[in-house]
Amino acid sequence: RDTAVIGMRQRDVYEELAFLGGAEHDIGMGLKLGL
C-alpha cells in the first residue's frame, strides 16, 4: 500500500479529489493524508 502511495504524484490525487463525491471523496481525502 505504501509503495503504491509513494508512486503516485500528489498533484494527480488533488486533481481527482475535485471530481469525487460522497464516500469516494472521503477515500480520496484519506489517500491525500496518506501522501
PDB file of all heavy atoms in Angstrom:
ATOM      1  N   ARG A   1       0.834  -1.211   0.000  1.00  0.00           N
ATOM      2  CA  ARG A   1       0.000   0.000   0.000  1.00  0.00           C
ATOM      3  C   ARG A   1       0.863   1.254   0.000  1.00  0.00           C
ATOM      4  O   ARG A   1       0.645   2.192  -0.781  1.00  0.00           O
ATOM      5  CB  ARG A   1      -0.903  -0.007   1.221  1.00  0.00           C
ATOM      6  CG  ARG A   1      -1.799   1.233   1.354  1.00  0.00           C
ATOM      7  CD  ARG A   1      -2.226   1.414   2.806  1.00  0.00           C
ATOM      8  NE  ARG A   1      -1.063   1.652   3.657  1.00  0.00           N
ATOM      9  CZ  ARG A   1      -1.025   1.330   4.955  1.00  0.00           C
ATOM     10  NH1 ARG A   1      -2.056   0.749   5.536  1.00  0.00           N
ATOM     11  NH2 ARG A   1       0.060   1.580   5.673  1.00  0.00           N
ATOM     12  N   ASP A   2       1.865   1.270   0.868  1.00  0.00           N
ATOM     13  CA  ASP A   2       2.721   2.455   0.962  1.00  0.00           C
ATOM     14  C   ASP A   2       3.528   2.660  -0.308  1.00  0.00           C
ATOM     15  O   ASP A   2       3.749   3.800  -0.736  1.00  0.00           O
ATOM     16  CB  ASP A   2       3.658   2.329   2.162  1.00  0.00           C
ATOM     17  CG  ASP A   2       2.903   2.373   3.478  1.00  0.00           C
ATOM     18  OD1 ASP A   2       1.801   2.951   3.501  1.00  0.00           O
ATOM     19  OD2 ASP A   2       3.412   1.825   4.472  1.00  0.00           O
ATOM     20  N   THR A   3       3.960   1.557  -0.923  1.00  0.00           N
ATOM     21  CA  THR A   3       4.694   1.670  -2.179  1.00  0.00           C
ATOM     22  C   THR A   3       3.813   2.273  -3.264  1.00  0.00           C
ATOM     23  O   THR A   3       4.248   3.119  -4.055  1.00  0.00           O
ATOM     24  CB  THR A   3       5.204   0.299  -2.638  1.00  0.00           C
ATOM     25  OG1 THR A   3       6.071  -0.239  -1.635  1.00  0.00           O
ATOM     26  CG2 THR A   3       5.978   0.411  -3.949  1.00  0.00           C
ATOM     27  N   ALA A   4       2.542   1.845  -3.300  1.00  0.00           N
ATOM     28  CA  ALA A   4       1.614   2.396  -4.293  1.00  0.00           C
ATOM     29  C   ALA A   4       1.367   3.880  -4.059  1.00  0.00           C
ATOM     30  O   ALA A   4       1.321   4.678  -4.992  1.00  0.00           O
ATOM     31  CB  ALA A   4       0.297   1.630  -4.244  1.00  0.00           C
ATOM     32  N   VAL A   5       1.243   4.246  -2.790  1.00  0.00           N
ATOM     33  CA  VAL A   5       1.004   5.655  -2.471  1.00  0.00           C
ATOM     34  C   VAL A   5       2.210   6.501  -2.853  1.00  0.00           C
ATOM     35  O   VAL A   5       2.081   7.589  -3.428  1.00  0.00           O
ATOM     36  CB  VAL A   5       0.684   5.809  -0.969  1.00  0.00           C
ATOM     37  CG1 VAL A   5       0.665   7.284  -0.577  1.00  0.00           C
ATOM     38  CG2 VAL A   5      -0.653   5.160  -0.640  1.00  0.00           C
ATOM     39  N   ILE A   6       3.400   5.995  -2.545  1.00  0.00           N
ATOM     40  CA  ILE A   6       4.621   6.738  -2.858  1.00  0.00           C
ATOM     41  C   ILE A   6       4.759   6.931  -4.359  1.00  0.00           C
ATOM     42  O   ILE A   6       5.250   7.958  -4.836  1.00  0.00           O
ATOM     43  CB  ILE A   6       5.853   6.001  -2.297  1.00  0.00           C
ATOM     44  CG1 ILE A   6       5.800   6.016  -0.771  1.00  0.00           C
ATOM     45  CG2 ILE A   6       7.145   6.649  -2.780  1.00  0.00           C
ATOM     46  CD1 ILE A   6       6.783   5.086  -0.125  1.00  0.00           C
ATOM     47  N   GLY A   7       4.292   5.955  -5.123  1.00  0.00           N
ATOM     48  CA  GLY A   7       4.426   6.025  -6.569  1.00  0.00           C
ATOM     49  C   GLY A   7       3.464   6.997  -7.231  1.00  0.00           C
ATOM     50  O   GLY A   7       3.580   7.267  -8.433  1.00  0.00           O
ATOM     51  N   MET A   8       2.512   7.509  -6.483  1.00  0.00           N
ATOM     52  CA  MET A   8       1.546   8.457  -7.047  1.00  0.00           C
ATOM     53  C   MET A   8       2.055   9.891  -6.926  1.00  0.00           C
ATOM     54  O   MET A   8       2.751  10.233  -5.974  1.00  0.00           O
ATOM     55  CB  MET A   8       0.207   8.353  -6.305  1.00  0.00           C
ATOM     56  CG  MET A   8      -0.475   7.022  -6.456  1.00  0.00           C
ATOM     57  SD  MET A   8      -2.037   7.002  -5.537  1.00  0.00           S
ATOM     58  CE  MET A   8      -2.589   5.332  -5.860  1.00  0.00           C
ATOM     59  N   ARG A   9       1.693  10.705  -7.862  1.00  0.00           N
ATOM     60  CA  ARG A   9       2.025  12.122  -7.776  1.00  0.00           C
ATOM     61  C   ARG A   9       0.929  12.838  -7.000  1.00  0.00           C
ATOM     62  O   ARG A   9      -0.273  12.661  -7.262  1.00  0.00           O
ATOM     63  CB  ARG A   9       2.158  12.730  -9.165  1.00  0.00           C
ATOM     64  CG  ARG A   9       3.315  12.165  -9.968  1.00  0.00           C
ATOM     65  CD  ARG A   9       3.552  12.993 -11.210  1.00  0.00           C
ATOM     66  NE  ARG A   9       2.334  13.135 -12.013  1.00  0.00           N
ATOM     67  CZ  ARG A   9       2.234  13.989 -13.026  1.00  0.00           C
ATOM     68  NH1 ARG A   9       3.251  14.764 -13.344  1.00  0.00           N
ATOM     69  NH2 ARG A   9       1.107  14.058 -13.731  1.00  0.00           N
ATOM     70  N   GLN A  10       1.314  13.641  -6.051  1.00  0.00           N
ATOM     71  CA  GLN A  10       0.321  14.342  -5.235  1.00  0.00           C
ATOM     72  C   GLN A  10      -0.604  15.198  -6.101  1.00  0.00           C
ATOM     73  O   GLN A  10      -1.796  15.299  -5.831  1.00  0.00           O
ATOM     74  CB  GLN A  10       1.020  15.210  -4.192  1.00  0.00           C
ATOM     75  CG  GLN A  10       1.776  14.410  -3.139  1.00  0.00           C
ATOM     76  CD  GLN A  10       2.197  15.267  -1.962  1.00  0.00           C
ATOM     77  OE1 GLN A  10       1.519  16.228  -1.617  1.00  0.00           O
ATOM     78  NE2 GLN A  10       3.304  14.922  -1.339  1.00  0.00           N
ATOM     79  N   ARG A  11      -0.080  15.832  -7.131  1.00  0.00           N
ATOM     80  CA  ARG A  11      -0.902  16.685  -7.988  1.00  0.00           C
ATOM     81  C   ARG A  11      -2.056  15.889  -8.597  1.00  0.00           C
ATOM     82  O   ARG A  11      -3.189  16.365  -8.671  1.00  0.00           O
ATOM     83  CB  ARG A  11      -0.053  17.304  -9.095  1.00  0.00           C
ATOM     84  CG  ARG A  11      -0.860  18.236 -10.010  1.00  0.00           C
ATOM     85  CD  ARG A  11      -0.043  18.642 -11.234  1.00  0.00           C
ATOM     86  NE  ARG A  11       1.193  19.303 -10.852  1.00  0.00           N
ATOM     87  CZ  ARG A  11       2.116  19.664 -11.742  1.00  0.00           C
ATOM     88  NH1 ARG A  11       1.925  19.427 -13.036  1.00  0.00           N
ATOM     89  NH2 ARG A  11       3.219  20.272 -11.340  1.00  0.00           N
ATOM     90  N   ASP A  12      -1.764  14.627  -9.031  1.00  0.00           N
ATOM     91  CA  ASP A  12      -2.811  13.804  -9.632  1.00  0.00           C
ATOM     92  C   ASP A  12      -3.920  13.518  -8.627  1.00  0.00           C
ATOM     93  O   ASP A  12      -5.115  13.530  -8.969  1.00  0.00           O
ATOM     94  CB  ASP A  12      -2.222  12.485 -10.143  1.00  0.00           C
ATOM     95  CG  ASP A  12      -1.269  12.703 -11.315  1.00  0.00           C
ATOM     96  OD1 ASP A  12      -1.349  13.779 -11.936  1.00  0.00           O
ATOM     97  OD2 ASP A  12      -0.457  11.814 -11.588  1.00  0.00           O
ATOM     98  N   VAL A  13      -3.522  13.237  -7.374  1.00  0.00           N
ATOM     99  CA  VAL A  13      -4.523  12.935  -6.343  1.00  0.00           C
ATOM    100  C   VAL A  13      -5.387  14.161  -6.075  1.00  0.00           C
ATOM    101  O   VAL A  13      -6.613  14.070  -5.982  1.00  0.00           O
ATOM    102  CB  VAL A  13      -3.824  12.469  -5.052  1.00  0.00           C
ATOM    103  CG1 VAL A  13      -4.861  12.256  -3.945  1.00  0.00           C
ATOM    104  CG2 VAL A  13      -3.047  11.188  -5.301  1.00  0.00           C
ATOM    105  N   TYR A  14      -4.769  15.326  -5.945  1.00  0.00           N
ATOM    106  CA  TYR A  14      -5.526  16.542  -5.661  1.00  0.00           C
ATOM    107  C   TYR A  14      -6.500  16.862  -6.794  1.00  0.00           C
ATOM    108  O   TYR A  14      -7.632  17.311  -6.562  1.00  0.00           O
ATOM    109  CB  TYR A  14      -4.568  17.716  -5.447  1.00  0.00           C
ATOM    110  CG  TYR A  14      -3.664  17.557  -4.248  1.00  0.00           C
ATOM    111  CD1 TYR A  14      -2.429  18.209  -4.186  1.00  0.00           C
ATOM    112  CD2 TYR A  14      -4.042  16.769  -3.160  1.00  0.00           C
ATOM    113  CE1 TYR A  14      -1.594  18.065  -3.086  1.00  0.00           C
ATOM    114  CE2 TYR A  14      -3.208  16.616  -2.064  1.00  0.00           C
ATOM    115  CZ  TYR A  14      -1.990  17.260  -2.035  1.00  0.00           C
ATOM    116  OH  TYR A  14      -1.180  17.128  -0.957  1.00  0.00           O
ATOM    117  N   GLU A  15      -6.080  16.652  -8.049  1.00  0.00           N
ATOM    118  CA  GLU A  15      -6.956  16.916  -9.186  1.00  0.00           C
ATOM    119  C   GLU A  15      -8.157  15.982  -9.193  1.00  0.00           C
ATOM    120  O   GLU A  15      -9.279  16.373  -9.515  1.00  0.00           O
ATOM    121  CB  GLU A  15      -6.172  16.783 -10.485  1.00  0.00           C
ATOM    122  CG  GLU A  15      -5.152  17.905 -10.704  1.00  0.00           C
ATOM    123  CD  GLU A  15      -4.328  17.705 -11.964  1.00  0.00           C
ATOM    124  OE1 GLU A  15      -4.463  16.614 -12.577  1.00  0.00           O
ATOM    125  OE2 GLU A  15      -3.553  18.610 -12.332  1.00  0.00           O
ATOM    126  N   GLU A  16      -7.932  14.729  -8.811  1.00  0.00           N
ATOM    127  CA  GLU A  16      -9.025  13.764  -8.787  1.00  0.00           C
ATOM    128  C   GLU A  16     -10.033  14.094  -7.688  1.00  0.00           C
ATOM    129  O   GLU A  16     -11.222  13.802  -7.813  1.00  0.00           O
ATOM    130  CB  GLU A  16      -8.480  12.350  -8.584  1.00  0.00           C
ATOM    131  CG  GLU A  16      -7.774  11.770  -9.798  1.00  0.00           C
ATOM    132  CD  GLU A  16      -8.725  11.625 -10.978  1.00  0.00           C
ATOM    133  OE1 GLU A  16      -9.905  11.278 -10.755  1.00  0.00           O
ATOM    134  OE2 GLU A  16      -8.301  11.874 -12.115  1.00  0.00           O
ATOM    135  N   LEU A  17      -9.590  14.676  -6.591  1.00  0.00           N
ATOM    136  CA  LEU A  17     -10.494  14.990  -5.487  1.00  0.00           C
ATOM    137  C   LEU A  17     -11.633  15.913  -5.941  1.00  0.00           C
ATOM    138  O   LEU A  17     -12.749  15.844  -5.432  1.00  0.00           O
ATOM    139  CB  LEU A  17      -9.719  15.659  -4.340  1.00  0.00           C
ATOM    140  CG  LEU A  17      -8.865  14.731  -3.473  1.00  0.00           C
ATOM    141  CD1 LEU A  17      -8.071  15.547  -2.463  1.00  0.00           C
ATOM    142  CD2 LEU A  17      -9.744  13.729  -2.738  1.00  0.00           C
ATOM    143  N   ALA A  18     -11.332  16.780  -6.900  1.00  0.00           N
ATOM    144  CA  ALA A  18     -12.349  17.736  -7.362  1.00  0.00           C
ATOM    145  C   ALA A  18     -13.504  17.046  -8.066  1.00  0.00           C
ATOM    146  O   ALA A  18     -14.607  17.606  -8.166  1.00  0.00           O
ATOM    147  CB  ALA A  18     -11.695  18.757  -8.298  1.00  0.00           C
ATOM    148  N   PHE A  19     -13.280  15.815  -8.542  1.00  0.00           N
ATOM    149  CA  PHE A  19     -14.328  15.107  -9.305  1.00  0.00           C
ATOM    150  C   PHE A  19     -14.994  14.010  -8.480  1.00  0.00           C
ATOM    151  O   PHE A  19     -15.873  13.312  -8.975  1.00  0.00           O
ATOM    152  CB  PHE A  19     -13.714  14.484 -10.561  1.00  0.00           C
ATOM    153  CG  PHE A  19     -13.139  15.500 -11.499  1.00  0.00           C
ATOM    154  CD1 PHE A  19     -11.785  15.788 -11.490  1.00  0.00           C
ATOM    155  CD2 PHE A  19     -13.957  16.198 -12.392  1.00  0.00           C
ATOM    156  CE1 PHE A  19     -11.254  16.735 -12.357  1.00  0.00           C
ATOM    157  CE2 PHE A  19     -13.422  17.141 -13.251  1.00  0.00           C
ATOM    158  CZ  PHE A  19     -12.065  17.417 -13.240  1.00  0.00           C
ATOM    159  N   LEU A  20     -14.595  13.837  -7.226  1.00  0.00           N
ATOM    160  CA  LEU A  20     -15.166  12.788  -6.394  1.00  0.00           C
ATOM    161  C   LEU A  20     -16.250  13.361  -5.500  1.00  0.00           C
ATOM    162  O   LEU A  20     -16.232  14.540  -5.130  1.00  0.00           O
ATOM    163  CB  LEU A  20     -14.073  12.154  -5.520  1.00  0.00           C
ATOM    164  CG  LEU A  20     -12.926  11.458  -6.261  1.00  0.00           C
ATOM    165  CD1 LEU A  20     -11.909  10.920  -5.261  1.00  0.00           C
ATOM    166  CD2 LEU A  20     -13.444  10.332  -7.137  1.00  0.00           C
ATOM    167  N   GLY A  21     -17.191  12.501  -5.127  1.00  0.00           N
ATOM    168  CA  GLY A  21     -18.260  12.949  -4.241  1.00  0.00           C
ATOM    169  C   GLY A  21     -18.575  11.903  -3.203  1.00  0.00           C
ATOM    170  O   GLY A  21     -18.353  10.715  -3.399  1.00  0.00           O
ATOM    171  N   GLY A  22     -19.147  12.323  -2.078  1.00  0.00           N
ATOM    172  CA  GLY A  22     -19.587  11.409  -1.043  1.00  0.00           C
ATOM    173  C   GLY A  22     -18.473  10.562  -0.481  1.00  0.00           C
ATOM    174  O   GLY A  22     -17.394  11.038  -0.119  1.00  0.00           O
ATOM    175  N   ALA A  23     -18.769   9.244  -0.405  1.00  0.00           N
ATOM    176  CA  ALA A  23     -17.810   8.305   0.181  1.00  0.00           C
ATOM    177  C   ALA A  23     -16.508   8.287  -0.607  1.00  0.00           C
ATOM    178  O   ALA A  23     -15.428   8.137  -0.037  1.00  0.00           O
ATOM    179  CB  ALA A  23     -18.419   6.902   0.229  1.00  0.00           C
ATOM    180  N   GLU A  24     -16.628   8.424  -1.939  1.00  0.00           N
ATOM    181  CA  GLU A  24     -15.417   8.409  -2.751  1.00  0.00           C
ATOM    182  C   GLU A  24     -14.494   9.559  -2.372  1.00  0.00           C
ATOM    183  O   GLU A  24     -13.279   9.438  -2.356  1.00  0.00           O
ATOM    184  CB  GLU A  24     -15.782   8.496  -4.235  1.00  0.00           C
ATOM    185  CG  GLU A  24     -16.466   7.249  -4.764  1.00  0.00           C
ATOM    186  CD  GLU A  24     -16.822   7.405  -6.230  1.00  0.00           C
ATOM    187  OE1 GLU A  24     -16.933   8.552  -6.693  1.00  0.00           O
ATOM    188  OE2 GLU A  24     -16.962   6.375  -6.901  1.00  0.00           O
ATOM    189  N   HIS A  25     -15.097  10.719  -2.058  1.00  0.00           N
ATOM    190  CA  HIS A  25     -14.292  11.870  -1.662  1.00  0.00           C
ATOM    191  C   HIS A  25     -13.564  11.592  -0.348  1.00  0.00           C
ATOM    192  O   HIS A  25     -12.406  11.989  -0.144  1.00  0.00           O
ATOM    193  CB  HIS A  25     -15.167  13.109  -1.524  1.00  0.00           C
ATOM    194  CG  HIS A  25     -14.392  14.363  -1.244  1.00  0.00           C
ATOM    195  ND1 HIS A  25     -14.069  14.753   0.033  1.00  0.00           N
ATOM    196  CD2 HIS A  25     -13.854  15.286  -2.090  1.00  0.00           C
ATOM    197  CE1 HIS A  25     -13.362  15.872  -0.015  1.00  0.00           C
ATOM    198  NE2 HIS A  25     -13.228  16.226  -1.289  1.00  0.00           N
ATOM    199  N   ASP A  26     -14.266  10.902   0.574  1.00  0.00           N
ATOM    200  CA  ASP A  26     -13.639  10.556   1.853  1.00  0.00           C
ATOM    201  C   ASP A  26     -12.427   9.648   1.623  1.00  0.00           C
ATOM    202  O   ASP A  26     -11.385   9.805   2.257  1.00  0.00           O
ATOM    203  CB  ASP A  26     -14.642   9.862   2.778  1.00  0.00           C
ATOM    204  CG  ASP A  26     -15.765  10.805   3.202  1.00  0.00           C
ATOM    205  OD1 ASP A  26     -15.534  12.032   3.145  1.00  0.00           O
ATOM    206  OD2 ASP A  26     -16.840  10.309   3.579  1.00  0.00           O
ATOM    207  N   ILE A  27     -12.578   8.678   0.704  1.00  0.00           N
ATOM    208  CA  ILE A  27     -11.468   7.785   0.394  1.00  0.00           C
ATOM    209  C   ILE A  27     -10.303   8.590  -0.199  1.00  0.00           C
ATOM    210  O   ILE A  27      -9.147   8.404   0.143  1.00  0.00           O
ATOM    211  CB  ILE A  27     -11.903   6.684  -0.587  1.00  0.00           C
ATOM    212  CG1 ILE A  27     -12.937   5.770   0.096  1.00  0.00           C
ATOM    213  CG2 ILE A  27     -10.711   5.865  -1.061  1.00  0.00           C
ATOM    214  CD1 ILE A  27     -13.543   4.747  -0.833  1.00  0.00           C
ATOM    215  N   GLY A  28     -10.657   9.520  -1.094  1.00  0.00           N
ATOM    216  CA  GLY A  28      -9.619  10.350  -1.705  1.00  0.00           C
ATOM    217  C   GLY A  28      -8.892  11.200  -0.687  1.00  0.00           C
ATOM    218  O   GLY A  28      -7.677  11.382  -0.751  1.00  0.00           O
ATOM    219  N   MET A  29      -9.639  11.745   0.285  1.00  0.00           N
ATOM    220  CA  MET A  29      -9.010  12.545   1.328  1.00  0.00           C
ATOM    221  C   MET A  29      -8.076  11.690   2.171  1.00  0.00           C
ATOM    222  O   MET A  29      -7.008  12.132   2.590  1.00  0.00           O
ATOM    223  CB  MET A  29     -10.076  13.181   2.219  1.00  0.00           C
ATOM    224  CG  MET A  29     -10.803  14.346   1.560  1.00  0.00           C
ATOM    225  SD  MET A  29      -9.679  15.687   1.110  1.00  0.00           S
ATOM    226  CE  MET A  29      -9.103  16.194   2.745  1.00  0.00           C
ATOM    227  N   GLY A  30      -8.491  10.433   2.404  1.00  0.00           N
ATOM    228  CA  GLY A  30      -7.624   9.526   3.146  1.00  0.00           C
ATOM    229  C   GLY A  30      -6.311   9.288   2.413  1.00  0.00           C
ATOM    230  O   GLY A  30      -5.231   9.250   3.013  1.00  0.00           O
ATOM    231  N   LEU A  31      -6.403   9.134   1.096  1.00  0.00           N
ATOM    232  CA  LEU A  31      -5.201   8.941   0.289  1.00  0.00           C
ATOM    233  C   LEU A  31      -4.331  10.195   0.329  1.00  0.00           C
ATOM    234  O   LEU A  31      -3.103  10.126   0.416  1.00  0.00           O
ATOM    235  CB  LEU A  31      -5.587   8.612  -1.151  1.00  0.00           C
ATOM    236  CG  LEU A  31      -4.437   8.340  -2.132  1.00  0.00           C
ATOM    237  CD1 LEU A  31      -3.543   7.234  -1.611  1.00  0.00           C
ATOM    238  CD2 LEU A  31      -4.998   7.989  -3.499  1.00  0.00           C
ATOM    239  N   LYS A  32      -4.974  11.368   0.279  1.00  0.00           N
ATOM    240  CA  LYS A  32      -4.237  12.633   0.347  1.00  0.00           C
ATOM    241  C   LYS A  32      -3.466  12.722   1.666  1.00  0.00           C
ATOM    242  O   LYS A  32      -2.281  13.083   1.709  1.00  0.00           O
ATOM    243  CB  LYS A  32      -5.209  13.808   0.230  1.00  0.00           C
ATOM    244  CG  LYS A  32      -4.582  15.178   0.472  1.00  0.00           C
ATOM    245  CD  LYS A  32      -5.644  16.255   0.365  1.00  0.00           C
ATOM    246  CE  LYS A  32      -5.049  17.642   0.669  1.00  0.00           C
ATOM    247  NZ  LYS A  32      -4.631  17.758   2.064  1.00  0.00           N
ATOM    248  N   LEU A  33      -4.137  12.370   2.758  1.00  0.00           N
ATOM    249  CA  LEU A  33      -3.468  12.399   4.049  1.00  0.00           C
ATOM    250  C   LEU A  33      -2.337  11.375   4.100  1.00  0.00           C
ATOM    251  O   LEU A  33      -1.295  11.623   4.701  1.00  0.00           O
ATOM    252  CB  LEU A  33      -4.480  12.122   5.172  1.00  0.00           C
ATOM    253  CG  LEU A  33      -5.556  13.193   5.375  1.00  0.00           C
ATOM    254  CD1 LEU A  33      -6.574  12.719   6.411  1.00  0.00           C
ATOM    255  CD2 LEU A  33      -4.909  14.501   5.817  1.00  0.00           C
ATOM    256  N   GLY A  34      -2.566  10.239   3.441  1.00  0.00           N
ATOM    257  CA  GLY A  34      -1.518   9.221   3.407  1.00  0.00           C
ATOM    258  C   GLY A  34      -0.272   9.723   2.718  1.00  0.00           C
ATOM    259  O   GLY A  34       0.860   9.453   3.132  1.00  0.00           O
ATOM    260  N   LEU A  35      -0.472  10.478   1.629  1.00  0.00           N
ATOM    261  CA  LEU A  35       0.664  11.029   0.904  1.00  0.00           C
ATOM    262  C   LEU A  35       1.453  12.002   1.766  1.00  0.00           C
ATOM    263  O   LEU A  35       2.661  12.176   1.586  1.00  0.00           O
ATOM    264  CB  LEU A  35       0.190  11.743  -0.364  1.00  0.00           C
ATOM    265  CG  LEU A  35      -0.152  10.847  -1.555  1.00  0.00           C
ATOM    266  CD1 LEU A  35      -0.913  11.644  -2.592  1.00  0.00           C
ATOM    267  CD2 LEU A  35       1.115  10.267  -2.156  1.00  0.00           C
TER     268      LEU A  35
END
